[in-house]
C-alpha atoms as a PDB file:
ATOM      1  CA  MET A   1      68.307  96.590  60.571  1.00  0.00           C
ATOM      2  CA  ILE A   2      70.969  94.117  59.417  1.00  0.00           C
ATOM      3  CA  SER A   3      70.277  90.403  59.024  1.00  0.00           C
ATOM      4  CA  PHE A   4      70.570  87.984  61.930  1.00  0.00           C
ATOM      5  CA  ASN A   5      73.549  86.199  60.351  1.00  0.00           C
ATOM      6  CA  LYS A   6      75.430  89.483  60.007  1.00  0.00           C
ATOM      7  CA  ILE A   7      74.666  90.286  63.631  1.00  0.00           C
ATOM      8  CA  VAL A   8      76.136  86.934  64.682  1.00  0.00           C
ATOM      9  CA  ASN A   9      79.234  87.466  62.526  1.00  0.00           C
ATOM     10  CA  LYS A  10      79.854  90.913  64.000  1.00  0.00           C
ATOM     11  CA  LEU A  11      79.405  89.668  67.556  1.00  0.00           C
ATOM     12  CA  CYS A  12      81.839  86.804  67.008  1.00  0.00           C
ATOM     13  CA  LYS A  13      84.504  89.336  66.022  1.00  0.00           C
ATOM     14  CA  LYS A  14      84.178  91.187  69.323  1.00  0.00           C
ATOM     15  CA  CYS A  15      87.292  91.207  71.486  1.00  0.00           C
ATOM     16  CA  TRP A  16      87.491  89.593  74.930  1.00  0.00           C
ATOM     17  CA  ASN A  17      84.199  87.663  74.565  1.00  0.00           C
ATOM     18  CA  ILE A  18      82.393  90.213  76.766  1.00  0.00           C
ATOM     19  CA  VAL A  19      79.654  92.488  75.437  1.00  0.00           C
ATOM     20  CA  PHE A  20      77.198  94.875  77.040  1.00  0.00           C
ATOM     21  CA  LEU A  21      73.625  95.312  75.844  1.00  0.00           C
ATOM     22  CA  THR A  22      74.596  98.686  74.398  1.00  0.00           C
ATOM     23  CA  ASP A  23      77.303  96.998  72.299  1.00  0.00           C
ATOM     24  CA  ILE A  24      74.741  94.624  70.816  1.00  0.00           C
ATOM     25  CA  PHE A  25      72.273  97.426  70.099  1.00  0.00           C
ATOM     26  CA  GLU A  26      75.000  99.362  68.305  1.00  0.00           C
ATOM     27  CA  ILE A  27      75.540  96.360  66.016  1.00  0.00           C
ATOM     28  CA  ILE A  28      71.871  95.592  65.441  1.00  0.00           C
ATOM     29  CA  ASP A  29      70.461  99.023  64.736  1.00  0.00           C
ATOM     30  CA  PRO A  30      72.590 101.948  65.926  1.00  0.00           C
ATOM     31  CA  GLU A  31      70.408 104.757  64.580  1.00  0.00           C
ATOM     32  CA  TYR A  32      66.928 103.523  65.433  1.00  0.00           C
ATOM     33  CA  LYS A  33      67.415 101.362  68.503  1.00  0.00           C
ATOM     34  CA  ASN A  34      65.000 103.358  70.656  1.00  0.00           C
ATOM     35  CA  LYS A  35      62.241 103.217  68.032  1.00  0.00           C
ATOM     36  CA  ASN A  36      62.686  99.492  67.384  1.00  0.00           C
ATOM     37  CA  ARG A  37      63.059  98.367  70.988  1.00  0.00           C
ATOM     38  CA  VAL A  38      60.581  95.480  70.679  1.00  0.00           C
ATOM     39  CA  THR A  39      62.322  94.101  67.581  1.00  0.00           C
ATOM     40  CA  LEU A  40      65.695  94.507  69.195  1.00  0.00           C
ATOM     41  CA  ASN A  41      64.576  92.664  72.334  1.00  0.00           C
ATOM     42  CA  LYS A  42      63.353  89.810  70.155  1.00  0.00           C
ATOM     43  CA  THR A  43      66.757  89.664  68.513  1.00  0.00           C
ATOM     44  CA  ILE A  44      68.442  89.512  71.920  1.00  0.00           C
ATOM     45  CA  TYR A  45      66.119  86.670  72.892  1.00  0.00           C
ATOM     46  CA  ARG A  46      67.037  84.757  69.707  1.00  0.00           C
ATOM     47  CA  LEU A  47      70.754  85.328  70.275  1.00  0.00           C
ATOM     48  CA  LYS A  48      70.390  83.837  73.754  1.00  0.00           C
ATOM     49  CA  SER A  49      68.237  80.913  72.629  1.00  0.00           C
ATOM     50  CA  GLU A  50      70.768  79.955  69.951  1.00  0.00           C
ATOM     51  CA  TRP A  51      73.689  80.281  72.420  1.00  0.00           C
ATOM     52  CA  VAL A  52      75.311  83.082  70.474  1.00  0.00           C
ATOM     53  CA  ILE A  53      75.413  84.990  73.767  1.00  0.00           C
ATOM     54  CA  ILE A  54      75.080  83.867  77.388  1.00  0.00           C
ATOM     55  CA  PRO A  55      73.772  86.368  79.966  1.00  0.00           C
ATOM     56  CA  LEU A  56      75.897  86.954  83.054  1.00  0.00           C
ATOM     57  CA  LYS A  57      73.665  89.634  84.572  1.00  0.00           C
ATOM     58  CA  ASN A  58      71.259  92.239  83.244  1.00  0.00           C
ATOM     59  CA  GLY A  59      72.833  93.823  80.192  1.00  0.00           C
ATOM     60  CA  VAL A  60      76.078  91.813  80.319  1.00  0.00           C
ATOM     61  CA  TYR A  61      76.772  88.841  78.049  1.00  0.00           C
ATOM     62  CA  ILE A  62      79.500  86.381  77.142  1.00  0.00           C
ATOM     63  CA  ILE A  63      80.139  85.301  73.575  1.00  0.00           C
ATOM     64  CA  PRO A  64      80.872  81.684  74.500  1.00  0.00           C
ATOM     65  CA  ASP A  65      83.507  79.267  73.338  1.00  0.00           C
ATOM     66  CA  ASP A  66      82.760  75.547  73.148  1.00  0.00           C
ATOM     67  CA  GLU A  67      83.121  74.777  76.848  1.00  0.00           C
ATOM     68  CA  ASP A  68      81.119  77.743  78.109  1.00  0.00           C
ATOM     69  CA  THR A  69      77.714  76.258  77.352  1.00  0.00           C
ATOM     70  CA  SER A  70      78.350  73.619  80.020  1.00  0.00           C
ATOM     71  CA  LEU A  71      79.392  76.100  82.724  1.00  0.00           C
ATOM     72  CA  ASN A  72      77.047  77.652  85.260  1.00  0.00           C
ATOM     73  CA  SER A  73      76.864  81.411  85.667  1.00  0.00           C
ATOM     74  CA  VAL A  74      79.138  81.488  88.741  1.00  0.00           C
ATOM     75  CA  ASP A  75      81.906  79.571  86.969  1.00  0.00           C
ATOM     76  CA  LEU A  76      81.488  81.780  83.911  1.00  0.00           C
ATOM     77  CA  VAL A  77      82.106  84.881  86.026  1.00  0.00           C
ATOM     78  CA  ASP A  78      85.219  83.237  87.486  1.00  0.00           C
ATOM     79  CA  LYS A  79      86.494  82.337  84.028  1.00  0.00           C
ATOM     80  CA  TYR A  80      85.939  85.780  82.520  1.00  0.00           C
ATOM     81  CA  TYR A  81      86.497  87.928  85.587  1.00  0.00           C
ATOM     82  CA  ILE A  82      89.640  89.742  84.388  1.00  0.00           C
ATOM     83  CA  ARG A  83      88.127  90.464  80.965  1.00  0.00           C
ATOM     84  CA  LEU A  84      84.925  91.625  82.591  1.00  0.00           C
ATOM     85  CA  LEU A  85      86.867  93.832  84.995  1.00  0.00           C
ATOM     86  CA  LYS A  86      88.755  95.480  82.123  1.00  0.00           C
ATOM     87  CA  LYS A  87      85.501  95.921  80.184  1.00  0.00           C
ATOM     88  CA  TYR A  88      83.889  97.787  83.090  1.00  0.00           C
ATOM     89  CA  ILE A  89      87.003  99.888  83.692  1.00  0.00           C
ATOM     90  CA  LYS A  90      87.165 100.905  80.047  1.00  0.00           C
ATOM     91  CA  ALA A  91      83.440 101.712  79.959  1.00  0.00           C
ATOM     92  CA  GLU A  92      83.477 103.776  83.160  1.00  0.00           C
ATOM     93  CA  VAL A  93      86.845 105.562  83.341  1.00  0.00           C
ATOM     94  CA  TRP A  94      88.727 104.581  80.171  1.00  0.00           C
ATOM     95  CA  ALA A  95      92.486 104.682  80.899  1.00  0.00           C
ATOM     96  CA  HIS A  96      92.335 107.033  83.901  1.00  0.00           C
ATOM     97  CA  TYR A  97      92.595 104.548  86.773  1.00  0.00           C
ATOM     98  CA  TYR A  98      94.739 102.141  88.718  1.00  0.00           C
ATOM     99  CA  ILE A  99      93.877  99.112  90.848  1.00  0.00           C
ATOM    100  CA  SER A 100      94.536  99.874  94.483  1.00  0.00           C
ATOM    101  CA  GLY A 101      94.798  98.401  97.953  1.00  0.00           C
ATOM    102  CA  LYS A 102      95.128  94.775  98.975  1.00  0.00           C
ATOM    103  CA  LYS A 103      94.569  93.334  95.496  1.00  0.00           C
ATOM    104  CA  SER A 104      97.253  95.546  94.018  1.00  0.00           C
ATOM    105  CA  LEU A 105      99.746  94.226  96.570  1.00  0.00           C
ATOM    106  CA  GLU A 106      98.579  90.663  95.865  1.00  0.00           C
ATOM    107  CA  PHE A 107      99.252  91.201  92.165  1.00  0.00           C
ATOM    108  CA  HIS A 108     102.825  92.189  93.065  1.00  0.00           C
ATOM    109  CA  MET A 109     103.013  88.947  95.066  1.00  0.00           C
ATOM    110  CA  ARG A 110     101.840  86.960  92.009  1.00  0.00           C
ATOM    111  CA  ASP A 111      98.467  86.191  93.564  1.00  0.00           C
ATOM    112  CA  TYR A 112      95.909  86.469  90.758  1.00  0.00           C
ATOM    113  CA  SER A 113      92.912  85.101  92.633  1.00  0.00           C
ATOM    114  CA  ILE A 114      89.568  86.853  92.264  1.00  0.00           C
ATOM    115  CA  PRO A 115      88.960  89.294  95.136  1.00  0.00           C
ATOM    116  CA  GLU A 116      85.622  89.753  96.847  1.00  0.00           C
ATOM    117  CA  LYS A 117      86.171  93.499  96.417  1.00  0.00           C
ATOM    118  CA  ILE A 118      88.515  95.339  94.104  1.00  0.00           C
ATOM    119  CA  PHE A 119      89.153  99.087  94.319  1.00  0.00           C
ATOM    120  CA  ILE A 120      89.635 101.153  91.174  1.00  0.00           C
ATOM    121  CA  ILE A 121      91.099 104.557  91.975  1.00  0.00           C
ATOM    122  CA  ASN A 122      90.170 107.174  89.382  1.00  0.00           C
ATOM    123  CA  ARG A 123      89.737 110.887  88.892  1.00  0.00           C
ATOM    124  CA  SER A 124      85.997 111.450  89.348  1.00  0.00           C
ATOM    125  CA  LEU A 125      83.808 108.341  89.756  1.00  0.00           C
ATOM    126  CA  ASN A 126      82.488 106.771  92.974  1.00  0.00           C
ATOM    127  CA  LYS A 127      80.425 103.744  92.058  1.00  0.00           C
ATOM    128  CA  LYS A 128      79.914 100.090  93.025  1.00  0.00           C
ATOM    129  CA  ILE A 129      79.193  97.347  90.489  1.00  0.00           C
ATOM    130  CA  LYS A 130      78.007  94.010  91.831  1.00  0.00           C
ATOM    131  CA  ILE A 131      78.706  90.812  89.881  1.00  0.00           C
ATOM    132  CA  TRP A 132      77.379  87.878  91.861  1.00  0.00           C
ATOM    133  CA  VAL A 133      79.533  87.761  95.009  1.00  0.00           C
ATOM    134  CA  TYR A 134      82.120  90.196  93.641  1.00  0.00           C
ATOM    135  CA  GLU A 135      82.233  93.983  93.796  1.00  0.00           C
ATOM    136  CA  ILE A 136      84.098  96.399  91.553  1.00  0.00           C
ATOM    137  CA  ILE A 137      84.410  99.640  93.507  1.00  0.00           C
ATOM    138  CA  PHE A 138      85.336 102.827  91.655  1.00  0.00           C
ATOM    139  CA  LYS A 139      86.737 105.286  94.169  1.00  0.00           C
ATOM    140  CA  THR A 140      88.213 108.781  94.273  1.00  0.00           C
ATOM    141  CA  ILE A 141      90.783 109.800  96.876  1.00  0.00           C
ATOM    142  CA  SER A 142      91.332 113.259  98.299  1.00  0.00           C
ATOM    143  CA  TRP A 143      93.348 115.189 100.839  1.00  0.00           C
ATOM    144  CA  ASN A 144      92.459 118.256 102.883  1.00  0.00           C
ATOM    145  CA  GLN A 145      94.976 121.035 102.434  1.00  0.00           C
ATOM    146  CA  HIS A 146      94.300 124.082 104.598  1.00  0.00           C
ATOM    147  CA  GLY A 147      90.584 123.255 104.618  1.00  0.00           C
ATOM    148  CA  LYS A 148      90.445 122.704 100.861  1.00  0.00           C
ATOM    149  CA  LYS A 149      89.663 119.268  99.440  1.00  0.00           C
ATOM    150  CA  ILE A 150      92.311 118.214  96.901  1.00  0.00           C
ATOM    151  CA  ASN A 151      91.771 115.366  94.426  1.00  0.00           C
ATOM    152  CA  LEU A 152      94.870 113.180  94.665  1.00  0.00           C
ATOM    153  CA  TYR A 153      94.427 111.047  91.548  1.00  0.00           C
ATOM    154  CA  ASN A 154      96.688 113.108  89.292  1.00  0.00           C
ATOM    155  CA  TYR A 155      99.402 112.870  91.917  1.00  0.00           C
ATOM    156  CA  THR A 156      99.124 109.217  92.981  1.00  0.00           C
ATOM    157  CA  SER A 157      98.553 107.885  89.460  1.00  0.00           C
ATOM    158  CA  GLN A 158     102.195 108.599  88.641  1.00  0.00           C
ATOM    159  CA  TYR A 159     102.999 105.805  91.102  1.00  0.00           C
ATOM    160  CA  SER A 160     101.273 103.111  89.069  1.00  0.00           C
ATOM    161  CA  LYS A 161     102.510 100.471  86.658  1.00  0.00           C
ATOM    162  CA  GLU A 162     101.114  98.114  84.046  1.00  0.00           C
ATOM    163  CA  ILE A 163     100.862  94.356  84.353  1.00  0.00           C
ATOM    164  CA  GLN A 164      99.637  91.849  81.788  1.00  0.00           C
ATOM    165  CA  LEU A 165      97.361  88.942  82.656  1.00  0.00           C
ATOM    166  CA  ASP A 166      97.058  86.741  79.579  1.00  0.00           C
ATOM    167  CA  SER A 167      96.247  89.337  76.912  1.00  0.00           C
ATOM    168  CA  ILE A 168      94.730  91.902  79.303  1.00  0.00           C
ATOM    169  CA  VAL A 169      96.757  94.904  80.447  1.00  0.00           C
ATOM    170  CA  LEU A 170      95.827  96.409  83.813  1.00  0.00           C
ATOM    171  CA  LYS A 171      97.250  99.321  85.771  1.00  0.00           C
ATOM    172  CA  ILE A 172      98.043  98.767  89.440  1.00  0.00           C
ATOM    173  CA  SER A 173      99.667 100.738  92.248  1.00  0.00           C
ATOM    174  CA  SER A 174     103.439 100.658  92.442  1.00  0.00           C
ATOM    175  CA  LEU A 175     104.826  98.325  95.081  1.00  0.00           C
ATOM    176  CA  GLU A 176     105.472 101.191  97.501  1.00  0.00           C
ATOM    177  CA  LEU A 177     102.022 102.725  97.064  1.00  0.00           C
ATOM    178  CA  ALA A 178     100.385  99.278  97.273  1.00  0.00           C
ATOM    179  CA  LEU A 179     102.061  98.689 100.649  1.00  0.00           C
ATOM    180  CA  LEU A 180     100.725 101.997 101.943  1.00  0.00           C
ATOM    181  CA  GLU A 181      97.228 101.318 100.601  1.00  0.00           C
ATOM    182  CA  ALA A 182      97.135  97.776 101.974  1.00  0.00           C
ATOM    183  CA  SER A 183      98.041  99.243 105.372  1.00  0.00           C
ATOM    184  CA  LEU A 184      94.863 101.317 105.406  1.00  0.00           C
ATOM    185  CA  ILE A 185      91.479 100.101 106.634  1.00  0.00           C
ATOM    186  CA  TRP A 186      89.184 100.214 103.596  1.00  0.00           C
ATOM    187  CA  GLY A 187      85.405 100.341 103.826  1.00  0.00           C
ATOM    188  CA  SER A 188      83.857  97.589 105.914  1.00  0.00           C
ATOM    189  CA  TYR A 189      86.953  95.363 106.085  1.00  0.00           C
ATOM    190  CA  GLY A 190      87.866  96.703 109.542  1.00  0.00           C
ATOM    191  CA  TRP A 191      91.317  95.107 109.603  1.00  0.00           C
ATOM    192  CA  VAL A 192      94.695  95.198 107.905  1.00  0.00           C
ATOM    193  CA  GLU A 193      96.205  92.190 106.108  1.00  0.00           C
ATOM    194  CA  VAL A 194      99.233  91.946 108.373  1.00  0.00           C
ATOM    195  CA  GLU A 195     100.395  88.587 107.014  1.00  0.00           C
ATOM    196  CA  LEU A 196     100.313  89.795 103.410  1.00  0.00           C
ATOM    197  CA  ILE A 197     102.156  93.032 104.238  1.00  0.00           C
ATOM    198  CA  THR A 198     104.761  91.177 106.304  1.00  0.00           C
ATOM    199  CA  LYS A 199     105.445  88.752 103.450  1.00  0.00           C
ATOM    200  CA  ALA A 200     105.737  91.629 100.974  1.00  0.00           C
ATOM    201  CA  LEU A 201     108.179  93.490 103.245  1.00  0.00           C
ATOM    202  CA  LYS A 202     110.275  90.348 103.642  1.00  0.00           C
ATOM    203  CA  LYS A 203     110.320  89.634  99.900  1.00  0.00           C
ATOM    204  CA  TYR A 204     110.869  93.143  98.561  1.00  0.00           C
ATOM    205  CA  SER A 205     112.587  95.083 101.365  1.00  0.00           C
ATOM    206  CA  SER A 206     115.857  95.312  99.435  1.00  0.00           C
ATOM    207  CA  ILE A 207     114.315  96.895  96.321  1.00  0.00           C
ATOM    208  CA  LEU A 208     111.747  99.286  97.799  1.00  0.00           C
ATOM    209  CA  ASP A 209     112.279 102.856  96.599  1.00  0.00           C
ATOM    210  CA  HIS A 210     112.777 104.999  99.691  1.00  0.00           C
ATOM    211  CA  ASN A 211     112.327 108.211  97.724  1.00  0.00           C
ATOM    212  CA  THR A 212     108.878 107.104  96.569  1.00  0.00           C
ATOM    213  CA  PHE A 213     107.788 106.686 100.186  1.00  0.00           C
ATOM    214  CA  LYS A 214     109.155 110.155 101.002  1.00  0.00           C
ATOM    215  CA  ASP A 215     107.376 111.699  98.013  1.00  0.00           C
ATOM    216  CA  ILE A 216     104.016 110.161  98.937  1.00  0.00           C
ATOM    217  CA  ALA A 217     104.358 110.826 102.668  1.00  0.00           C
ATOM    218  CA  PRO A 218     102.828 114.336 102.828  1.00  0.00           C
ATOM    219  CA  PHE A 219      99.504 112.987 101.557  1.00  0.00           C
ATOM    220  CA  LYS A 220      97.000 110.858 103.429  1.00  0.00           C
ATOM    221  CA  TYR A 221      99.051 107.864 104.527  1.00  0.00           C
ATOM    222  CA  ILE A 222     100.403 108.722 108.001  1.00  0.00           C
ATOM    223  CA  MET A 223      98.448 105.839 109.586  1.00  0.00           C
ATOM    224  CA  SER A 224      99.973 103.466 107.045  1.00  0.00           C
ATOM    225  CA  PHE A 225     103.492 104.654 107.866  1.00  0.00           C
ATOM    226  CA  ASN A 226     102.772 104.023 111.544  1.00  0.00           C
ATOM    227  CA  ARG A 227     101.697 100.462 110.774  1.00  0.00           C
ATOM    228  CA  LEU A 228     104.605  99.791 108.434  1.00  0.00           C
ATOM    229  CA  LYS A 229     106.983 101.179 111.061  1.00  0.00           C
ATOM    230  CA  GLU A 230     105.777  98.633 113.595  1.00  0.00           C
ATOM    231  CA  LEU A 231     105.758  95.732 111.128  1.00  0.00           C
ATOM    232  CA  SER A 232     109.338  96.441 110.050  1.00  0.00           C
ATOM    233  CA  LYS A 233     110.709  97.164 113.524  1.00  0.00           C
ATOM    234  CA  SER A 234     112.154  93.758 114.360  1.00  0.00           C
ATOM    235  CA  SER A 235     113.262  92.506 110.945  1.00  0.00           C
ATOM    236  CA  HIS A 236     113.939  95.487 108.662  1.00  0.00           C
ATOM    237  CA  PRO A 237     115.812  98.160 110.661  1.00  0.00           C
ATOM    238  CA  ASP A 238     116.537 100.311 107.594  1.00  0.00           C
ATOM    239  CA  LEU A 239     112.838 100.496 106.730  1.00  0.00           C
ATOM    240  CA  TYR A 240     111.915 101.070 110.358  1.00  0.00           C
ATOM    241  CA  LYS A 241     114.247 104.085 110.447  1.00  0.00           C
ATOM    242  CA  LEU A 242     112.848 105.322 107.122  1.00  0.00           C
ATOM    243  CA  PHE A 243     109.249 105.141 108.306  1.00  0.00           C
ATOM    244  CA  LEU A 244     110.147 106.656 111.670  1.00  0.00           C
ATOM    245  CA  ASP A 245     111.884 109.598 109.973  1.00  0.00           C
ATOM    246  CA  ILE A 246     108.956 110.063 107.564  1.00  0.00           C
ATOM    247  CA  ILE A 247     106.502 110.278 110.464  1.00  0.00           C
ATOM    248  CA  LYS A 248     108.696 112.803 112.269  1.00  0.00           C
ATOM    249  CA  THR A 249     109.108 114.889 109.117  1.00  0.00           C
ATOM    250  CA  ASN A 250     105.393 114.901 108.346  1.00  0.00           C
ATOM    251  CA  GLY A 251     103.809 116.146 111.537  1.00  0.00           C
ATOM    252  CA  ASN A 252     105.285 113.814 114.174  1.00  0.00           C
ATOM    253  CA  LEU A 253     101.896 112.069 114.433  1.00  0.00           C
ATOM    254  CA  PHE A 254     102.485 108.763 116.197  1.00  0.00           C
ATOM    255  CA  ILE A 255      99.462 106.509 116.634  1.00  0.00           C
ATOM    256  CA  TRP A 256      99.236 104.434 119.791  1.00  0.00           C
ATOM    257  CA  GLU A 257      99.545 100.688 119.169  1.00  0.00           C
ATOM    258  CA  TRP A 258      96.002  99.926 120.321  1.00  0.00           C
ATOM    259  CA  ALA A 259      94.603 102.333 117.732  1.00  0.00           C
ATOM    260  CA  ARG A 260      96.421 100.789 114.793  1.00  0.00           C
ATOM    261  CA  ASN A 261      94.415  97.525 114.619  1.00  0.00           C
ATOM    262  CA  ILE A 262      97.467  95.409 113.797  1.00  0.00           C
END
């Protein structure tokens, strides 16, 4: 096992200031960590007592800067949320993901506030991670084709883009896909963010890629097209016609207004 000072030096070189317990064990004693668990736990305790690391939750720590020692755990999560989000994404699904739904659309609208829930679409993982009042939800999406369940990640992921928040790069849905996703009812939300979608349509109506909507249309989003059709009816006639034609082309499934929850 390496010396305590070397452990501290290695930790201080870690990127993003976020480390998991497994990261620390790999530094302390990568080959014998299971055999030396008691010693390793004592080292963790010393690292915490000397403010080399600050625990956020079980197995998750911040390597603090000068101001962090005066912050409570809730404010620490707020400060490091984006770095923590990227750390979890990398640990769970590596680069095979994109941020979806309402938060993706908010990112397009330059709203970088911390969401209560954030959805991470990926190829194979369904999992929820709770961090205080926040949830990171890893989610797969599928489509039934002739009774066969088809994983849609490989298809929808081509409609994603990268954004950079400070030094952190994240992948989010394209603007068109984000509009469709935000028009769905996700989980326990039970409603659609009409105001957000309306603002996005008003701001970006002239640059939306009509072909992207047509390409995505055969899969999953017919309810979204119904909602977007209604929201664009009075102010964006070209989009209204587009969404109307898409619905007609893809099964002619019109949803009655009362069933759309908008």
